[in-house]
PDB file of N, CA and C in Angstrom:
ATOM      1  N   UNK A   1      -8.457  48.989   0.226  1.00  0.00           N
ATOM      2  CA  UNK A   1      -8.535  47.569  -0.049  1.00  0.00           C
ATOM      3  C   UNK A   1      -9.561  46.958   0.911  1.00  0.00           C
ATOM      4  N   UNK A   2     -10.529  46.207   0.380  1.00  0.00           N
ATOM      5  CA  UNK A   2     -11.587  45.668   1.251  1.00  0.00           C
ATOM      6  C   UNK A   2     -11.073  44.543   2.144  1.00  0.00           C
ATOM      7  N   UNK A   3     -11.692  44.419   3.285  1.00  0.00           N
ATOM      8  CA  UNK A   3     -11.326  43.361   4.226  1.00  0.00           C
ATOM      9  C   UNK A   3     -11.945  42.037   3.778  1.00  0.00           C
ATOM     10  N   UNK A   4     -11.234  40.970   4.056  1.00  0.00           N
ATOM     11  CA  UNK A   4     -11.724  39.649   3.706  1.00  0.00           C
ATOM     12  C   UNK A   4     -12.731  39.199   4.757  1.00  0.00           C
ATOM     13  N   UNK A   5     -13.903  38.816   4.298  1.00  0.00           N
ATOM     14  CA  UNK A   5     -14.956  38.389   5.224  1.00  0.00           C
ATOM     15  C   UNK A   5     -14.728  36.928   5.607  1.00  0.00           C
ATOM     16  N   UNK A   6     -14.362  36.685   6.857  1.00  0.00           N
ATOM     17  CA  UNK A   6     -14.076  35.322   7.317  1.00  0.00           C
ATOM     18  C   UNK A   6     -15.175  34.778   8.220  1.00  0.00           C
ATOM     19  N   UNK A   7     -16.304  35.429   8.251  1.00  0.00           N
ATOM     20  CA  UNK A   7     -17.359  35.002   9.171  1.00  0.00           C
ATOM     21  C   UNK A   7     -17.957  33.652   8.786  1.00  0.00           C
ATOM     22  N   UNK A   8     -17.901  33.272   7.508  1.00  0.00           N
ATOM     23  CA  UNK A   8     -18.514  32.000   7.090  1.00  0.00           C
ATOM     24  C   UNK A   8     -17.501  30.873   6.983  1.00  0.00           C
ATOM     25  N   UNK A   9     -16.253  31.150   7.258  1.00  0.00           N
ATOM     26  CA  UNK A   9     -15.241  30.108   7.106  1.00  0.00           C
ATOM     27  C   UNK A   9     -15.459  28.940   8.052  1.00  0.00           C
ATOM     28  N   UNK A  10     -15.836  29.207   9.269  1.00  0.00           N
ATOM     29  CA  UNK A  10     -15.986  28.125  10.248  1.00  0.00           C
ATOM     30  C   UNK A  10     -17.055  27.133   9.803  1.00  0.00           C
ATOM     31  N   UNK A  11     -18.223  27.633   9.448  1.00  0.00           N
ATOM     32  CA  UNK A  11     -19.303  26.720   9.043  1.00  0.00           C
ATOM     33  C   UNK A  11     -18.961  26.010   7.742  1.00  0.00           C
ATOM     34  N   UNK A  12     -18.229  26.657   6.869  1.00  0.00           N
ATOM     35  CA  UNK A  12     -17.823  26.022   5.610  1.00  0.00           C
ATOM     36  C   UNK A  12     -16.862  24.874   5.868  1.00  0.00           C
ATOM     37  N   UNK A  13     -15.880  25.117   6.707  1.00  0.00           N
ATOM     38  CA  UNK A  13     -14.888  24.071   7.001  1.00  0.00           C
ATOM     39  C   UNK A  13     -15.521  22.917   7.760  1.00  0.00           C
ATOM     40  N   UNK A  14     -16.359  23.212   8.729  1.00  0.00           N
ATOM     41  CA  UNK A  14     -17.010  22.149   9.506  1.00  0.00           C
ATOM     42  C   UNK A  14     -17.930  21.324   8.616  1.00  0.00           C
ATOM     43  N   UNK A  15     -18.698  21.974   7.773  1.00  0.00           N
ATOM     44  CA  UNK A  15     -19.602  21.222   6.899  1.00  0.00           C
ATOM     45  C   UNK A  15     -18.819  20.385   5.894  1.00  0.00           C
ATOM     46  N   UNK A  16     -17.684  20.880   5.440  1.00  0.00           N
ATOM     47  CA  UNK A  16     -16.862  20.114   4.515  1.00  0.00           C
ATOM     48  C   UNK A  16     -16.290  18.873   5.198  1.00  0.00           C
ATOM     49  N   UNK A  17     -15.838  19.015   6.433  1.00  0.00           N
ATOM     50  CA  UNK A  17     -15.292  17.866   7.162  1.00  0.00           C
ATOM     51  C   UNK A  17     -16.373  16.831   7.422  1.00  0.00           C
ATOM     52  N   UNK A  18     -17.565  17.281   7.809  1.00  0.00           N
ATOM     53  CA  UNK A  18     -18.674  16.352   8.057  1.00  0.00           C
ATOM     54  C   UNK A  18     -19.055  15.629   6.769  1.00  0.00           C
ATOM     55  N   UNK A  19     -19.095  16.352   5.671  1.00  0.00           N
ATOM     56  CA  UNK A  19     -19.434  15.742   4.384  1.00  0.00           C
ATOM     57  C   UNK A  19     -18.399  14.704   3.977  1.00  0.00           C
ATOM     58  N   UNK A  20     -17.122  15.022   4.139  1.00  0.00           N
ATOM     59  CA  UNK A  20     -16.079  14.054   3.813  1.00  0.00           C
ATOM     60  C   UNK A  20     -16.168  12.815   4.691  1.00  0.00           C
ATOM     61  N   UNK A  21     -16.441  13.022   5.966  1.00  0.00           N
ATOM     62  CA  UNK A  21     -16.587  11.881   6.874  1.00  0.00           C
ATOM     63  C   UNK A  21     -17.731  10.970   6.428  1.00  0.00           C
ATOM     64  N   UNK A  22     -18.870  11.559   6.091  1.00  0.00           N
ATOM     65  CA  UNK A  22     -20.033  10.774   5.661  1.00  0.00           C
ATOM     66  C   UNK A  22     -19.728  10.046   4.356  1.00  0.00           C
ATOM     67  N   UNK A  23     -19.065  10.724   3.440  1.00  0.00           N
ATOM     68  CA  UNK A  23     -18.743  10.080   2.161  1.00  0.00           C
ATOM     69  C   UNK A  23     -17.812   8.894   2.352  1.00  0.00           C
ATOM     70  N   UNK A  24     -16.794   9.044   3.201  1.00  0.00           N
ATOM     71  CA  UNK A  24     -15.890   7.934   3.448  1.00  0.00           C
ATOM     72  C   UNK A  24     -16.594   6.787   4.168  1.00  0.00           C
ATOM     73  N   UNK A  25     -17.494   7.108   5.084  1.00  0.00           N
ATOM     74  CA  UNK A  25     -18.242   6.051   5.763  1.00  0.00           C
ATOM     75  C   UNK A  25     -19.098   5.273   4.767  1.00  0.00           C
ATOM     76  N   UNK A  26     -19.736   5.965   3.855  1.00  0.00           N
ATOM     77  CA  UNK A  26     -20.544   5.282   2.849  1.00  0.00           C
ATOM     78  C   UNK A  26     -19.682   4.448   1.916  1.00  0.00           C
ATOM     79  N   UNK A  27     -18.522   4.949   1.576  1.00  0.00           N
ATOM     80  CA  UNK A  27     -17.625   4.190   0.712  1.00  0.00           C
ATOM     81  C   UNK A  27     -17.141   2.918   1.404  1.00  0.00           C
ATOM     82  N   UNK A  28     -16.762   3.044   2.670  1.00  0.00           N
ATOM     83  CA  UNK A  28     -16.239   1.889   3.402  1.00  0.00           C
ATOM     84  C   UNK A  28     -17.341   0.869   3.681  1.00  0.00           C
ATOM     85  N   UNK A  29     -18.558   1.326   3.894  1.00  0.00           N
ATOM     86  CA  UNK A  29     -19.649   0.401   4.244  1.00  0.00           C
ATOM     87  C   UNK A  29     -20.056  -0.489   3.075  1.00  0.00           C
ATOM     88  N   UNK A  30     -19.618  -0.195   1.870  1.00  0.00           N
ATOM     89  CA  UNK A  30     -19.976  -1.020   0.709  1.00  0.00           C
ATOM     90  C   UNK A  30     -19.182  -2.318   0.664  1.00  0.00           C
ATOM     91  N   UNK A  31     -18.039  -2.359   1.349  1.00  0.00           N
ATOM     92  CA  UNK A  31     -17.208  -3.547   1.304  1.00  0.00           C
ATOM     93  C   UNK A  31     -17.722  -4.591   2.291  1.00  0.00           C
ATOM     94  N   UNK A  32     -17.625  -5.840   1.887  1.00  0.00           N
ATOM     95  CA  UNK A  32     -18.022  -6.949   2.757  1.00  0.00           C
ATOM     96  C   UNK A  32     -16.774  -7.540   3.398  1.00  0.00           C
ATOM     97  N   UNK A  33     -16.753  -7.553   4.691  1.00  0.00           N
ATOM     98  CA  UNK A  33     -15.625  -8.103   5.417  1.00  0.00           C
ATOM     99  C   UNK A  33     -16.026  -9.436   6.037  1.00  0.00           C
ATOM    100  N   UNK A  34     -15.140 -10.434   6.000  1.00  0.00           N
ATOM    101  CA  UNK A  34     -15.483 -11.729   6.600  1.00  0.00           C
ATOM    102  C   UNK A  34     -15.586 -11.616   8.118  1.00  0.00           C
ATOM    103  N   UNK A  35     -16.518 -12.366   8.674  1.00  0.00           N
ATOM    104  CA  UNK A  35     -16.702 -12.324  10.128  1.00  0.00           C
ATOM    105  C   UNK A  35     -15.538 -12.970  10.848  1.00  0.00           C
ATOM    106  N   UNK A  36     -15.106 -14.132  10.350  1.00  0.00           N
ATOM    107  CA  UNK A  36     -14.000 -14.849  10.987  1.00  0.00           C
ATOM    108  C   UNK A  36     -12.884 -15.033   9.966  1.00  0.00           C
ATOM    109  N   UNK A  37     -11.987 -14.102   9.873  1.00  0.00           N
ATOM    110  CA  UNK A  37     -10.887 -14.303   8.920  1.00  0.00           C
ATOM    111  C   UNK A  37      -9.984 -15.435   9.385  1.00  0.00           C
ATOM    112  N   UNK A  38      -9.708 -16.353   8.469  1.00  0.00           N
ATOM    113  CA  UNK A  38      -8.880 -17.501   8.826  1.00  0.00           C
ATOM    114  C   UNK A  38      -7.438 -17.233   8.427  1.00  0.00           C
ATOM    115  N   UNK A  39      -6.534 -17.719   9.253  1.00  0.00           N
ATOM    116  CA  UNK A  39      -5.125 -17.525   8.978  1.00  0.00           C
ATOM    117  C   UNK A  39      -4.694 -18.433   7.838  1.00  0.00           C
ATOM    118  N   UNK A  40      -3.871 -17.904   6.966  1.00  0.00           N
ATOM    119  CA  UNK A  40      -3.315 -18.726   5.904  1.00  0.00           C
ATOM    120  C   UNK A  40      -2.134 -19.487   6.470  1.00  0.00           C
ATOM    121  N   UNK A  41      -1.872 -20.640   5.890  1.00  0.00           N
ATOM    122  CA  UNK A  41      -0.772 -21.447   6.401  1.00  0.00           C
ATOM    123  C   UNK A  41       0.546 -20.725   6.154  1.00  0.00           C
ATOM    124  N   UNK A  42       1.426 -20.851   7.123  1.00  0.00           N
ATOM    125  CA  UNK A  42       2.709 -20.162   7.039  1.00  0.00           C
ATOM    126  C   UNK A  42       3.638 -20.844   6.053  1.00  0.00           C
ATOM    127  N   UNK A  43       3.375 -22.111   5.754  1.00  0.00           N
ATOM    128  CA  UNK A  43       4.231 -22.831   4.814  1.00  0.00           C
ATOM    129  C   UNK A  43       3.690 -22.611   3.408  1.00  0.00           C
ATOM    130  N   UNK A  44       4.153 -21.566   2.807  1.00  0.00           N
ATOM    131  CA  UNK A  44       3.716 -21.272   1.442  1.00  0.00           C
ATOM    132  C   UNK A  44       4.588 -22.065   0.476  1.00  0.00           C
ATOM    133  N   UNK A  45       4.036 -22.335  -0.688  1.00  0.00           N
ATOM    134  CA  UNK A  45       4.801 -23.055  -1.690  1.00  0.00           C
ATOM    135  C   UNK A  45       5.933 -22.164  -2.179  1.00  0.00           C
ATOM    136  N   UNK A  46       7.101 -22.738  -2.268  1.00  0.00           N
ATOM    137  CA  UNK A  46       8.262 -21.957  -2.691  1.00  0.00           C
ATOM    138  C   UNK A  46       8.262 -21.840  -4.211  1.00  0.00           C
ATOM    139  N   UNK A  47       8.309 -20.621  -4.684  1.00  0.00           N
ATOM    140  CA  UNK A  47       8.368 -20.383  -6.119  1.00  0.00           C
ATOM    141  C   UNK A  47       9.831 -20.394  -6.550  1.00  0.00           C
ATOM    142  N   UNK A  48      10.165 -21.196  -7.552  1.00  0.00           N
ATOM    143  CA  UNK A  48      11.563 -21.204  -7.978  1.00  0.00           C
ATOM    144  C   UNK A  48      11.910 -19.896  -8.696  1.00  0.00           C
ATOM    145  N   UNK A  49      13.030 -19.356  -8.321  1.00  0.00           N
ATOM    146  CA  UNK A  49      13.470 -18.129  -8.972  1.00  0.00           C
ATOM    147  C   UNK A  49      14.339 -18.509 -10.167  1.00  0.00           C
ATOM    148  N   UNK A  50      14.459 -17.633 -11.142  1.00  0.00           N
ATOM    149  CA  UNK A  50      15.201 -17.988 -12.363  1.00  0.00           C
ATOM    150  C   UNK A  50      16.634 -18.431 -12.095  1.00  0.00           C
ATOM    151  N   UNK A  51      17.268 -17.822 -11.070  1.00  0.00           N
ATOM    152  CA  UNK A  51      18.653 -18.208 -10.832  1.00  0.00           C
ATOM    153  C   UNK A  51      18.767 -19.527 -10.077  1.00  0.00           C
ATOM    154  N   UNK A  52      17.662 -20.061  -9.551  1.00  0.00           N
ATOM    155  CA  UNK A  52      17.722 -21.364  -8.898  1.00  0.00           C
ATOM    156  C   UNK A  52      17.485 -22.494  -9.887  1.00  0.00           C
ATOM    157  N   UNK A  53      16.948 -22.184 -11.055  1.00  0.00           N
ATOM    158  CA  UNK A  53      16.652 -23.230 -12.037  1.00  0.00           C
ATOM    159  C   UNK A  53      17.909 -23.751 -12.703  1.00  0.00           C
ATOM    160  N   UNK A  54      18.908 -22.920 -12.854  1.00  0.00           N
ATOM    161  CA  UNK A  54      20.114 -23.353 -13.548  1.00  0.00           C
ATOM    162  C   UNK A  54      21.332 -23.103 -12.664  1.00  0.00           C
ATOM    163  N   UNK A  55      22.377 -23.859 -12.946  1.00  0.00           N
ATOM    164  CA  UNK A  55      23.603 -23.731 -12.173  1.00  0.00           C
ATOM    165  C   UNK A  55      24.419 -22.600 -12.756  1.00  0.00           C
ATOM    166  N   UNK A  56      24.813 -21.698 -11.917  1.00  0.00           N
ATOM    167  CA  UNK A  56      25.659 -20.608 -12.383  1.00  0.00           C
ATOM    168  C   UNK A  56      26.889 -20.539 -11.491  1.00  0.00           C
ATOM    169  N   UNK A  57      27.947 -20.041 -12.067  1.00  0.00           N
ATOM    170  CA  UNK A  57      29.177 -19.886 -11.309  1.00  0.00           C
ATOM    171  C   UNK A  57      29.651 -18.453 -11.489  1.00  0.00           C
ATOM    172  N   UNK A  58      30.025 -17.823 -10.393  1.00  0.00           N
ATOM    173  CA  UNK A  58      30.539 -16.469 -10.444  1.00  0.00           C
ATOM    174  C   UNK A  58      32.058 -16.553 -10.394  1.00  0.00           C
ATOM    175  N   UNK A  59      32.676 -16.006 -11.401  1.00  0.00           N
ATOM    176  CA  UNK A  59      34.132 -16.033 -11.461  1.00  0.00           C
ATOM    177  C   UNK A  59      34.677 -14.766 -10.837  1.00  0.00           C
ATOM    178  N   UNK A  60      35.511 -14.932  -9.852  1.00  0.00           N
ATOM    179  CA  UNK A  60      36.170 -13.760  -9.286  1.00  0.00           C
ATOM    180  C   UNK A  60      37.426 -13.486 -10.108  1.00  0.00           C
ATOM    181  N   UNK A  61      37.848 -12.261 -10.205  1.00  0.00           N
ATOM    182  CA  UNK A  61      39.021 -11.941 -11.034  1.00  0.00           C
ATOM    183  C   UNK A  61      40.289 -12.686 -10.602  1.00  0.00           C
ATOM    184  N   UNK A  62      40.396 -12.997  -9.331  1.00  0.00           N
ATOM    185  CA  UNK A  62      41.603 -13.669  -8.879  1.00  0.00           C
ATOM    186  C   UNK A  62      41.656 -15.127  -9.293  1.00  0.00           C
ATOM    187  N   UNK A  63      40.502 -15.750  -9.544  1.00  0.00           N
ATOM    188  CA  UNK A  63      40.514 -17.171  -9.902  1.00  0.00           C
ATOM    189  C   UNK A  63      40.639 -17.399 -11.402  1.00  0.00           C
ATOM    190  N   UNK A  64      40.587 -16.325 -12.183  1.00  0.00           N
ATOM    191  CA  UNK A  64      40.739 -16.481 -13.626  1.00  0.00           C
ATOM    192  C   UNK A  64      42.198 -16.777 -13.957  1.00  0.00           C
ATOM    193  N   UNK A  65      42.427 -17.516 -15.031  1.00  0.00           N
ATOM    194  CA  UNK A  65      43.829 -17.793 -15.413  1.00  0.00           C
ATOM    195  C   UNK A  65      44.540 -16.522 -15.859  1.00  0.00           C
ATOM    196  N   UNK A  66      45.816 -16.500 -15.640  1.00  0.00           N
ATOM    197  CA  UNK A  66      46.620 -15.352 -16.036  1.00  0.00           C
ATOM    198  C   UNK A  66      46.709 -15.283 -17.550  1.00  0.00           C
ATOM    199  N   UNK A  67      46.678 -14.078 -18.082  1.00  0.00           N
ATOM    200  CA  UNK A  67      46.749 -13.932 -19.541  1.00  0.00           C
ATOM    201  C   UNK A  67      48.120 -13.455 -19.957  1.00  0.00           C
TER     202      UNK A  67
END
């Protein structure tokens, strides 16, 4: 059974890592980031949830009339 030649593995792995690094750098550099990001106000408008729009009552079994 022939031996596996691992002499080129190091350069292959290193070149692959360098290539991935360069590709990610190019991908990230396409985005425009604001120089001074401004904070949004902490008081956001409250969105009404469906259960707040109408009055509902939860009946517990003990408060129901006896049958």
